Amino acid sequence: MRFMRATDPRVTFAELQTWPDDGRRYELYDGEVIVVPSPFPRHQRVLLHICEILVEYERAVGGLVFEAPMDIVFSEHDVVQPDVVFFREERRHVIDMMRTPRAAPDLAVEVLSRSTEARDRGRKMQLLARFAVPEYWIVDPVKNTLEVYLLRRSEYELVATYDETQDVRSPSLPGLTFRAARVFAE
């Protein structure tokens, strides 16, 4: 009798890197491959404004801001592409500009789409918490709200929900304050 060796059906980041470039974006959740759909124009405008704000912050205090598509590798089976990530200046050394980041950012931002909202509020949020991303923003381009979550005891706690009339204040990045209306400008 021959015994067949059980194989792990999960995909690793190394395997994903061997796939031909088909123009799609992929994320891995415990080795499960998720295709990330292409965003719509409003999503991209909101994303652009968030990047502008974070680049201004980077210039003022240092650090590094990156926008998708860029893999963040938490483990061989857990790889995500948040819309925006920020690394503090004192952690700049964890980034090798010629390699895929394998460190948790200090801030991850997701701009919601109908097709990604459940995952952004569920599996991705849980994964970011598991790998200790201190702050997470969920931006709703339909309701024009920005939710700020802070990691406390391995779970995210909603600190504030801002609308266009309010000033956003990061609880973990000193001096990062801006008018929410900037994010939602056309």
N, C-alpha and C. Protein backbone atom coordinates (compact mmCIF):
# COMPACT_ATOMS: atom_id res chain seq x y z
N MET A 1 0.84 -1.17 0.00
CA MET A 1 0.00 0.00 0.00
C MET A 1 0.89 1.24 0.00
N ARG A 2 0.58 2.21 -0.85
CA ARG A 2 1.33 3.46 -0.92
C ARG A 2 0.60 4.52 -0.13
N PHE A 3 1.35 5.28 0.60
CA PHE A 3 0.78 6.39 1.36
C PHE A 3 1.06 7.69 0.61
N MET A 4 0.04 8.46 0.44
CA MET A 4 0.23 9.77 -0.19
C MET A 4 0.49 10.80 0.91
N ARG A 5 1.45 11.63 0.66
CA ARG A 5 1.76 12.68 1.62
C ARG A 5 0.74 13.80 1.48
N ALA A 6 0.19 14.21 2.59
CA ALA A 6 -0.76 15.33 2.56
C ALA A 6 0.01 16.61 2.24
N THR A 7 -0.55 17.41 1.37
CA THR A 7 0.10 18.67 1.04
C THR A 7 -0.72 19.81 1.61
N ASP A 8 -0.03 20.87 1.92
CA ASP A 8 -0.68 22.05 2.47
C ASP A 8 -1.33 22.81 1.31
N PRO A 9 -2.65 22.95 1.31
CA PRO A 9 -3.32 23.63 0.20
C PRO A 9 -3.12 25.14 0.22
N ARG A 10 -2.54 25.64 1.32
CA ARG A 10 -2.36 27.08 1.42
C ARG A 10 -1.23 27.55 0.50
N VAL A 11 -1.40 28.74 -0.03
CA VAL A 11 -0.39 29.34 -0.89
C VAL A 11 0.54 30.18 -0.02
N THR A 12 1.82 30.16 -0.34
CA THR A 12 2.79 30.99 0.37
C THR A 12 3.11 32.22 -0.47
N PHE A 13 3.71 33.21 0.19
CA PHE A 13 4.13 34.41 -0.52
C PHE A 13 5.17 34.05 -1.58
N ALA A 14 6.07 33.13 -1.26
CA ALA A 14 7.09 32.71 -2.23
C ALA A 14 6.44 32.12 -3.48
N GLU A 15 5.40 31.30 -3.30
CA GLU A 15 4.69 30.73 -4.45
C GLU A 15 3.98 31.82 -5.24
N LEU A 16 3.36 32.74 -4.53
CA LEU A 16 2.64 33.83 -5.19
C LEU A 16 3.58 34.65 -6.08
N GLN A 17 4.82 34.80 -5.64
CA GLN A 17 5.81 35.56 -6.41
C GLN A 17 6.18 34.89 -7.73
N THR A 18 5.92 33.58 -7.85
CA THR A 18 6.25 32.87 -9.08
C THR A 18 5.13 32.94 -10.11
N TRP A 19 3.95 33.42 -9.70
CA TRP A 19 2.82 33.50 -10.62
C TRP A 19 3.10 34.57 -11.68
N PRO A 20 2.63 34.34 -12.90
CA PRO A 20 2.82 35.36 -13.93
C PRO A 20 2.02 36.62 -13.58
N ASP A 21 2.55 37.77 -13.97
CA ASP A 21 1.86 39.03 -13.71
C ASP A 21 0.66 39.13 -14.64
N ASP A 22 -0.52 39.01 -14.06
CA ASP A 22 -1.75 39.07 -14.85
C ASP A 22 -2.50 40.39 -14.64
N GLY A 23 -1.85 41.34 -13.98
CA GLY A 23 -2.47 42.64 -13.75
C GLY A 23 -3.37 42.70 -12.53
N ARG A 24 -3.57 41.58 -11.87
CA ARG A 24 -4.44 41.55 -10.69
C ARG A 24 -3.62 41.78 -9.43
N ARG A 25 -4.32 42.21 -8.38
CA ARG A 25 -3.71 42.33 -7.06
C ARG A 25 -4.23 41.18 -6.21
N TYR A 26 -3.31 40.57 -5.45
CA TYR A 26 -3.68 39.43 -4.61
C TYR A 26 -3.30 39.70 -3.16
N GLU A 27 -4.10 39.15 -2.24
CA GLU A 27 -3.77 39.14 -0.83
C GLU A 27 -3.87 37.70 -0.35
N LEU A 28 -3.13 37.39 0.71
CA LEU A 28 -3.17 36.06 1.32
C LEU A 28 -3.65 36.18 2.76
N TYR A 29 -4.66 35.41 3.08
CA TYR A 29 -5.17 35.32 4.44
C TYR A 29 -5.05 33.86 4.86
N ASP A 30 -4.06 33.58 5.71
CA ASP A 30 -3.76 32.21 6.12
C ASP A 30 -3.61 31.30 4.90
N GLY A 31 -2.98 31.83 3.87
CA GLY A 31 -2.71 31.06 2.66
C GLY A 31 -3.84 31.03 1.65
N GLU A 32 -4.99 31.58 1.99
CA GLU A 32 -6.10 31.65 1.03
C GLU A 32 -5.89 32.87 0.14
N VAL A 33 -5.96 32.65 -1.16
CA VAL A 33 -5.73 33.73 -2.12
C VAL A 33 -7.03 34.51 -2.34
N ILE A 34 -6.93 35.82 -2.18
CA ILE A 34 -8.05 36.72 -2.42
C ILE A 34 -7.64 37.69 -3.53
N VAL A 35 -8.47 37.79 -4.58
CA VAL A 35 -8.22 38.76 -5.64
C VAL A 35 -8.82 40.08 -5.19
N VAL A 36 -8.01 41.12 -5.23
CA VAL A 36 -8.46 42.45 -4.84
C VAL A 36 -8.97 43.17 -6.09
N PRO A 37 -10.25 43.55 -6.10
CA PRO A 37 -10.80 44.19 -7.29
C PRO A 37 -10.22 45.58 -7.53
N SER A 38 -10.31 46.00 -8.75
CA SER A 38 -9.84 47.33 -9.14
C SER A 38 -10.74 48.39 -8.51
N PRO A 39 -10.17 49.46 -7.95
CA PRO A 39 -10.99 50.48 -7.30
C PRO A 39 -11.69 51.40 -8.30
N PHE A 40 -12.69 52.12 -7.81
CA PHE A 40 -13.44 53.06 -8.64
C PHE A 40 -12.84 54.46 -8.47
N PRO A 41 -13.18 55.42 -9.36
CA PRO A 41 -12.55 56.74 -9.32
C PRO A 41 -12.67 57.48 -7.98
N ARG A 42 -13.82 57.45 -7.34
CA ARG A 42 -13.98 58.16 -6.06
C ARG A 42 -13.00 57.59 -5.02
N HIS A 43 -12.87 56.29 -4.98
CA HIS A 43 -11.91 55.63 -4.08
C HIS A 43 -10.51 56.20 -4.31
N GLN A 44 -10.12 56.31 -5.56
CA GLN A 44 -8.77 56.76 -5.89
C GLN A 44 -8.56 58.23 -5.54
N ARG A 45 -9.58 59.07 -5.70
CA ARG A 45 -9.45 60.48 -5.31
C ARG A 45 -9.27 60.61 -3.80
N VAL A 46 -10.06 59.86 -3.04
CA VAL A 46 -9.94 59.89 -1.58
C VAL A 46 -8.55 59.37 -1.18
N LEU A 47 -8.12 58.30 -1.80
CA LEU A 47 -6.79 57.74 -1.54
C LEU A 47 -5.70 58.77 -1.83
N LEU A 48 -5.82 59.48 -2.93
CA LEU A 48 -4.86 60.51 -3.30
C LEU A 48 -4.76 61.58 -2.22
N HIS A 49 -5.91 62.02 -1.70
CA HIS A 49 -5.91 63.07 -0.66
C HIS A 49 -5.27 62.56 0.64
N ILE A 50 -5.54 61.32 0.99
CA ILE A 50 -4.91 60.74 2.19
C ILE A 50 -3.40 60.69 2.01
N CYS A 51 -2.96 60.28 0.84
CA CYS A 51 -1.52 60.23 0.56
C CYS A 51 -0.90 61.62 0.65
N GLU A 52 -1.58 62.63 0.11
CA GLU A 52 -1.07 64.00 0.19
C GLU A 52 -0.87 64.41 1.65
N ILE A 53 -1.86 64.13 2.49
CA ILE A 53 -1.79 64.49 3.91
C ILE A 53 -0.63 63.76 4.59
N LEU A 54 -0.50 62.47 4.31
CA LEU A 54 0.57 61.70 4.96
C LEU A 54 1.95 62.05 4.42
N VAL A 55 2.05 62.44 3.16
CA VAL A 55 3.34 62.90 2.63
C VAL A 55 3.73 64.22 3.30
N GLU A 56 2.77 65.11 3.52
CA GLU A 56 3.05 66.35 4.26
C GLU A 56 3.57 66.02 5.65
N TYR A 57 2.93 65.05 6.30
CA TYR A 57 3.36 64.63 7.64
C TYR A 57 4.76 64.03 7.59
N GLU A 58 5.01 63.20 6.59
CA GLU A 58 6.33 62.60 6.41
C GLU A 58 7.40 63.68 6.27
N ARG A 59 7.12 64.70 5.47
CA ARG A 59 8.08 65.79 5.27
C ARG A 59 8.32 66.58 6.56
N ALA A 60 7.29 66.69 7.38
CA ALA A 60 7.41 67.46 8.63
C ALA A 60 8.15 66.71 9.73
N VAL A 61 7.89 65.42 9.87
CA VAL A 61 8.45 64.67 11.01
C VAL A 61 9.30 63.47 10.61
N GLY A 62 9.35 63.16 9.34
CA GLY A 62 10.07 61.97 8.89
C GLY A 62 9.12 60.79 8.79
N GLY A 63 9.70 59.64 8.51
CA GLY A 63 8.89 58.45 8.31
C GLY A 63 8.78 58.12 6.84
N LEU A 64 7.97 57.13 6.53
CA LEU A 64 7.78 56.70 5.15
C LEU A 64 6.31 56.37 4.91
N VAL A 65 5.76 56.90 3.84
CA VAL A 65 4.38 56.59 3.44
C VAL A 65 4.43 55.86 2.10
N PHE A 66 3.58 54.84 1.97
CA PHE A 66 3.49 54.07 0.72
C PHE A 66 2.01 53.83 0.42
N GLU A 67 1.70 53.78 -0.87
CA GLU A 67 0.33 53.45 -1.27
C GLU A 67 0.32 52.15 -2.07
N ALA A 68 -0.85 51.53 -2.11
CA ALA A 68 -1.02 50.29 -2.86
C ALA A 68 -0.84 50.58 -4.35
N PRO A 69 -0.40 49.61 -5.10
CA PRO A 69 -0.16 48.24 -4.67
C PRO A 69 1.25 48.05 -4.10
N MET A 70 1.31 47.58 -2.87
CA MET A 70 2.57 47.19 -2.24
C MET A 70 2.25 46.14 -1.18
N ASP A 71 2.86 44.99 -1.33
CA ASP A 71 2.64 43.91 -0.37
C ASP A 71 3.25 44.26 0.98
N ILE A 72 2.53 43.90 2.04
CA ILE A 72 3.07 43.90 3.39
C ILE A 72 3.02 42.44 3.82
N VAL A 73 4.18 41.84 4.03
CA VAL A 73 4.28 40.42 4.36
C VAL A 73 4.39 40.27 5.87
N PHE A 74 3.33 39.73 6.48
CA PHE A 74 3.34 39.46 7.91
C PHE A 74 3.89 38.07 8.20
N SER A 75 3.60 37.13 7.31
CA SER A 75 4.11 35.76 7.40
C SER A 75 4.04 35.19 5.99
N GLU A 76 4.56 34.01 5.80
CA GLU A 76 4.52 33.40 4.46
C GLU A 76 3.09 33.18 3.97
N HIS A 77 2.13 33.10 4.88
CA HIS A 77 0.73 32.86 4.51
C HIS A 77 -0.17 34.07 4.71
N ASP A 78 0.39 35.19 5.15
CA ASP A 78 -0.42 36.38 5.43
C ASP A 78 0.23 37.60 4.79
N VAL A 79 -0.36 38.03 3.67
CA VAL A 79 0.18 39.14 2.89
C VAL A 79 -0.99 40.02 2.46
N VAL A 80 -0.90 41.31 2.78
CA VAL A 80 -1.98 42.23 2.41
C VAL A 80 -1.42 43.45 1.71
N GLN A 81 -2.31 44.18 1.05
CA GLN A 81 -1.97 45.43 0.38
C GLN A 81 -2.92 46.52 0.86
N PRO A 82 -2.68 47.07 2.06
CA PRO A 82 -3.53 48.18 2.49
C PRO A 82 -3.43 49.33 1.47
N ASP A 83 -4.46 50.15 1.42
CA ASP A 83 -4.44 51.27 0.47
C ASP A 83 -3.27 52.21 0.76
N VAL A 84 -3.00 52.47 2.03
CA VAL A 84 -1.89 53.32 2.44
C VAL A 84 -1.29 52.75 3.72
N VAL A 85 0.03 52.83 3.83
CA VAL A 85 0.70 52.48 5.09
C VAL A 85 1.70 53.58 5.42
N PHE A 86 1.97 53.72 6.72
CA PHE A 86 2.95 54.70 7.18
C PHE A 86 3.84 54.03 8.22
N PHE A 87 5.15 54.27 8.09
CA PHE A 87 6.15 53.80 9.05
C PHE A 87 6.79 55.03 9.70
N ARG A 88 6.85 55.05 11.02
CA ARG A 88 7.47 56.17 11.75
C ARG A 88 8.95 56.29 11.40
N GLU A 89 9.48 57.48 11.58
CA GLU A 89 10.90 57.74 11.30
C GLU A 89 11.81 56.79 12.09
N GLU A 90 11.51 56.56 13.36
CA GLU A 90 12.38 55.71 14.19
C GLU A 90 12.32 54.24 13.78
N ARG A 91 11.39 53.89 12.88
CA ARG A 91 11.30 52.52 12.38
C ARG A 91 11.67 52.44 10.90
N ARG A 92 12.20 53.52 10.38
CA ARG A 92 12.58 53.59 8.97
C ARG A 92 13.53 52.44 8.60
N HIS A 93 14.35 52.02 9.54
CA HIS A 93 15.34 50.97 9.29
C HIS A 93 14.70 49.62 8.94
N VAL A 94 13.41 49.42 9.24
CA VAL A 94 12.78 48.13 8.94
C VAL A 94 12.43 48.01 7.45
N ILE A 95 12.57 49.12 6.72
CA ILE A 95 12.24 49.11 5.29
C ILE A 95 13.52 49.10 4.46
N ASP A 96 13.62 48.08 3.61
CA ASP A 96 14.66 48.01 2.59
C ASP A 96 13.96 48.42 1.30
N MET A 97 14.37 49.52 0.72
CA MET A 97 13.67 50.07 -0.44
C MET A 97 13.68 49.15 -1.66
N MET A 98 14.49 48.12 -1.63
CA MET A 98 14.57 47.22 -2.77
C MET A 98 13.94 45.85 -2.49
N ARG A 99 13.24 45.73 -1.35
CA ARG A 99 12.61 44.46 -0.99
C ARG A 99 11.19 44.71 -0.47
N THR A 100 10.39 43.67 -0.52
CA THR A 100 9.03 43.73 0.00
C THR A 100 9.06 43.87 1.52
N PRO A 101 8.31 44.83 2.07
CA PRO A 101 8.30 45.00 3.53
C PRO A 101 7.79 43.76 4.26
N ARG A 102 8.52 43.39 5.31
CA ARG A 102 8.15 42.26 6.16
C ARG A 102 8.03 42.73 7.61
N ALA A 103 7.48 43.92 7.76
CA ALA A 103 7.29 44.50 9.09
C ALA A 103 5.93 45.20 9.13
N ALA A 104 5.34 45.21 10.30
CA ALA A 104 4.04 45.87 10.46
C ALA A 104 4.23 47.38 10.37
N PRO A 105 3.39 48.06 9.60
CA PRO A 105 3.44 49.52 9.58
C PRO A 105 2.88 50.09 10.89
N ASP A 106 3.11 51.37 11.11
CA ASP A 106 2.56 52.04 12.29
C ASP A 106 1.12 52.48 12.05
N LEU A 107 0.76 52.64 10.79
CA LEU A 107 -0.60 53.02 10.41
C LEU A 107 -0.94 52.30 9.11
N ALA A 108 -2.14 51.73 9.07
CA ALA A 108 -2.69 51.17 7.82
C ALA A 108 -4.02 51.86 7.56
N VAL A 109 -4.28 52.17 6.30
CA VAL A 109 -5.51 52.87 5.92
C VAL A 109 -6.19 52.08 4.81
N GLU A 110 -7.49 51.90 4.96
CA GLU A 110 -8.30 51.31 3.90
C GLU A 110 -9.42 52.27 3.52
N VAL A 111 -9.56 52.51 2.23
CA VAL A 111 -10.69 53.26 1.69
C VAL A 111 -11.69 52.21 1.23
N LEU A 112 -12.89 52.28 1.78
CA LEU A 112 -13.88 51.24 1.51
C LEU A 112 -14.39 51.25 0.08
N SER A 113 -14.66 50.06 -0.41
CA SER A 113 -15.40 49.82 -1.65
C SER A 113 -16.49 48.83 -1.29
N ARG A 114 -17.56 48.83 -2.03
CA ARG A 114 -18.63 47.86 -1.74
C ARG A 114 -18.10 46.43 -1.73
N SER A 115 -17.19 46.14 -2.64
CA SER A 115 -16.69 44.77 -2.77
C SER A 115 -15.66 44.39 -1.71
N THR A 116 -15.11 45.36 -0.98
CA THR A 116 -14.07 45.04 0.01
C THR A 116 -14.47 45.38 1.44
N GLU A 117 -15.59 46.04 1.65
CA GLU A 117 -15.94 46.52 3.00
C GLU A 117 -15.98 45.41 4.04
N ALA A 118 -16.63 44.30 3.73
CA ALA A 118 -16.73 43.22 4.72
C ALA A 118 -15.34 42.70 5.10
N ARG A 119 -14.46 42.55 4.13
CA ARG A 119 -13.11 42.06 4.42
C ARG A 119 -12.29 43.12 5.17
N ASP A 120 -12.41 44.39 4.76
CA ASP A 120 -11.66 45.46 5.43
C ASP A 120 -12.06 45.60 6.90
N ARG A 121 -13.33 45.36 7.20
CA ARG A 121 -13.82 45.46 8.58
C ARG A 121 -13.72 44.13 9.33
N GLY A 122 -13.45 43.06 8.61
CA GLY A 122 -13.40 41.73 9.21
C GLY A 122 -12.00 41.14 9.19
N ARG A 123 -11.76 40.30 8.20
CA ARG A 123 -10.50 39.54 8.14
C ARG A 123 -9.25 40.43 8.14
N LYS A 124 -9.29 41.50 7.35
CA LYS A 124 -8.10 42.35 7.29
C LYS A 124 -7.87 43.04 8.63
N MET A 125 -8.93 43.55 9.23
CA MET A 125 -8.80 44.21 10.53
C MET A 125 -8.24 43.24 11.57
N GLN A 126 -8.74 42.02 11.57
CA GLN A 126 -8.24 41.01 12.51
C GLN A 126 -6.77 40.67 12.25
N LEU A 127 -6.40 40.58 10.98
CA LEU A 127 -5.02 40.28 10.63
C LEU A 127 -4.08 41.41 11.06
N LEU A 128 -4.48 42.65 10.79
CA LEU A 128 -3.65 43.79 11.19
C LEU A 128 -3.48 43.83 12.70
N ALA A 129 -4.54 43.51 13.43
CA ALA A 129 -4.45 43.47 14.90
C ALA A 129 -3.53 42.34 15.35
N ARG A 130 -3.66 41.18 14.73
CA ARG A 130 -2.83 40.02 15.10
C ARG A 130 -1.34 40.32 14.93
N PHE A 131 -1.02 41.11 13.91
CA PHE A 131 0.38 41.43 13.66
C PHE A 131 0.76 42.82 14.19
N ALA A 132 -0.06 43.33 15.10
CA ALA A 132 0.26 44.51 15.93
C ALA A 132 0.48 45.81 15.16
N VAL A 133 -0.39 46.10 14.20
CA VAL A 133 -0.39 47.42 13.56
C VAL A 133 -1.09 48.36 14.54
N PRO A 134 -0.39 49.37 15.08
CA PRO A 134 -0.95 50.18 16.17
C PRO A 134 -2.21 50.97 15.83
N GLU A 135 -2.31 51.47 14.60
CA GLU A 135 -3.45 52.32 14.25
C GLU A 135 -3.99 51.93 12.88
N TYR A 136 -5.31 51.95 12.76
CA TYR A 136 -5.99 51.54 11.52
C TYR A 136 -7.10 52.53 11.24
N TRP A 137 -7.13 53.04 10.01
CA TRP A 137 -8.20 53.94 9.59
C TRP A 137 -9.06 53.24 8.56
N ILE A 138 -10.36 53.40 8.69
CA ILE A 138 -11.31 52.96 7.67
C ILE A 138 -12.02 54.21 7.17
N VAL A 139 -11.88 54.47 5.88
CA VAL A 139 -12.42 55.67 5.27
C VAL A 139 -13.58 55.28 4.36
N ASP A 140 -14.73 55.89 4.59
CA ASP A 140 -15.93 55.61 3.80
C ASP A 140 -16.17 56.76 2.83
N PRO A 141 -15.91 56.55 1.53
CA PRO A 141 -16.07 57.62 0.55
C PRO A 141 -17.52 57.90 0.16
N VAL A 142 -18.44 57.09 0.63
CA VAL A 142 -19.87 57.33 0.37
C VAL A 142 -20.46 58.17 1.49
N LYS A 143 -20.19 57.78 2.74
CA LYS A 143 -20.69 58.52 3.90
C LYS A 143 -19.79 59.70 4.28
N ASN A 144 -18.62 59.78 3.65
CA ASN A 144 -17.63 60.81 3.98
C ASN A 144 -17.28 60.80 5.46
N THR A 145 -16.89 59.62 5.93
CA THR A 145 -16.45 59.47 7.32
C THR A 145 -15.09 58.78 7.36
N LEU A 146 -14.36 59.08 8.43
CA LEU A 146 -13.06 58.46 8.66
C LEU A 146 -13.07 57.93 10.08
N GLU A 147 -12.95 56.61 10.20
CA GLU A 147 -12.94 55.95 11.51
C GLU A 147 -11.50 55.68 11.91
N VAL A 148 -11.15 56.03 13.14
CA VAL A 148 -9.81 55.80 13.65
C VAL A 148 -9.88 54.73 14.73
N TYR A 149 -9.11 53.66 14.52
CA TYR A 149 -9.03 52.55 15.47
C TYR A 149 -7.63 52.49 16.06
N LEU A 150 -7.56 52.19 17.34
CA LEU A 150 -6.29 52.05 18.04
C LEU A 150 -6.21 50.64 18.61
N LEU A 151 -5.05 50.02 18.47
CA LEU A 151 -4.86 48.66 18.96
C LEU A 151 -4.70 48.69 20.48
N ARG A 152 -5.57 47.95 21.16
CA ARG A 152 -5.51 47.84 22.61
C ARG A 152 -5.73 46.38 22.97
N ARG A 153 -4.77 45.81 23.66
CA ARG A 153 -4.85 44.41 24.09
C ARG A 153 -5.22 43.48 22.93
N SER A 154 -4.53 43.61 21.84
CA SER A 154 -4.65 42.73 20.66
C SER A 154 -5.95 42.90 19.88
N GLU A 155 -6.73 43.92 20.17
CA GLU A 155 -7.96 44.19 19.41
C GLU A 155 -8.04 45.68 19.12
N TYR A 156 -8.73 46.00 18.03
CA TYR A 156 -8.92 47.41 17.70
C TYR A 156 -10.12 47.97 18.44
N GLU A 157 -9.91 49.17 18.94
CA GLU A 157 -10.98 49.91 19.60
C GLU A 157 -11.23 51.17 18.78
N LEU A 158 -12.50 51.42 18.47
CA LEU A 158 -12.86 52.63 17.74
C LEU A 158 -12.64 53.83 18.65
N VAL A 159 -11.74 54.71 18.26
CA VAL A 159 -11.41 55.90 19.06
C VAL A 159 -12.32 57.05 18.67
N ALA A 160 -12.56 57.22 17.36
CA ALA A 160 -13.39 58.32 16.88
C ALA A 160 -13.85 58.06 15.46
N THR A 161 -15.00 58.63 15.14
CA THR A 161 -15.48 58.66 13.76
C THR A 161 -15.62 60.13 13.40
N TYR A 162 -14.90 60.54 12.37
CA TYR A 162 -14.88 61.94 11.96
C TYR A 162 -15.71 62.13 10.69
N ASP A 163 -16.42 63.27 10.62
CA ASP A 163 -17.08 63.64 9.37
C ASP A 163 -16.35 64.86 8.80
N GLU A 164 -16.85 65.37 7.68
CA GLU A 164 -16.17 66.45 6.97
C GLU A 164 -15.99 67.73 7.78
N THR A 165 -16.80 67.93 8.80
CA THR A 165 -16.74 69.18 9.57
C THR A 165 -15.72 69.15 10.69
N GLN A 166 -15.05 68.01 10.88
CA GLN A 166 -14.19 67.85 12.04
C GLN A 166 -12.71 67.75 11.68
N ASP A 167 -11.88 67.97 12.68
CA ASP A 167 -10.44 67.79 12.54
C ASP A 167 -10.07 66.39 13.03
N VAL A 168 -9.37 65.65 12.18
CA VAL A 168 -8.91 64.31 12.52
C VAL A 168 -7.61 64.44 13.31
N ARG A 169 -7.50 63.68 14.40
CA ARG A 169 -6.28 63.63 15.21
C ARG A 169 -5.86 62.17 15.38
N SER A 170 -4.66 61.89 14.98
CA SER A 170 -4.14 60.53 15.17
C SER A 170 -3.77 60.34 16.63
N PRO A 171 -4.24 59.26 17.25
CA PRO A 171 -3.88 59.00 18.65
C PRO A 171 -2.47 58.46 18.84
N SER A 172 -1.84 57.97 17.76
CA SER A 172 -0.51 57.36 17.92
C SER A 172 0.60 58.06 17.15
N LEU A 173 0.24 58.99 16.27
CA LEU A 173 1.25 59.71 15.49
C LEU A 173 1.20 61.19 15.89
N PRO A 174 2.08 61.61 16.79
CA PRO A 174 2.05 62.98 17.31
C PRO A 174 2.10 64.04 16.22
N GLY A 175 1.19 65.00 16.32
CA GLY A 175 1.17 66.12 15.38
C GLY A 175 0.40 65.86 14.11
N LEU A 176 -0.09 64.66 13.90
CA LEU A 176 -0.87 64.37 12.70
C LEU A 176 -2.32 64.79 12.93
N THR A 177 -2.64 65.99 12.46
CA THR A 177 -3.98 66.56 12.58
C THR A 177 -4.32 67.22 11.25
N PHE A 178 -5.54 67.03 10.79
CA PHE A 178 -5.97 67.63 9.52
C PHE A 178 -7.48 67.69 9.48
N ARG A 179 -8.00 68.56 8.65
CA ARG A 179 -9.44 68.70 8.46
C ARG A 179 -9.92 67.53 7.61
N ALA A 180 -10.93 66.81 8.08
CA ALA A 180 -11.45 65.65 7.35
C ALA A 180 -11.95 66.03 5.96
N ALA A 181 -12.42 67.25 5.79
CA ALA A 181 -12.92 67.70 4.49
C ALA A 181 -11.85 67.56 3.41
N ARG A 182 -10.58 67.67 3.77
CA ARG A 182 -9.49 67.52 2.78
C ARG A 182 -9.52 66.13 2.15
N VAL A 183 -9.87 65.13 2.93
CA VAL A 183 -9.90 63.75 2.44
C VAL A 183 -10.99 63.57 1.39
N PHE A 184 -12.11 64.25 1.59
CA PHE A 184 -13.29 64.01 0.75
C PHE A 184 -13.49 65.04 -0.35
N ALA A 185 -12.54 65.95 -0.54
CA ALA A 185 -12.65 66.95 -1.59
C ALA A 185 -12.67 66.27 -2.96
N GLU A 186 -13.39 66.85 -3.88
CA GLU A 186 -13.45 66.29 -5.24
C GLU A 186 -12.14 66.58 -5.92
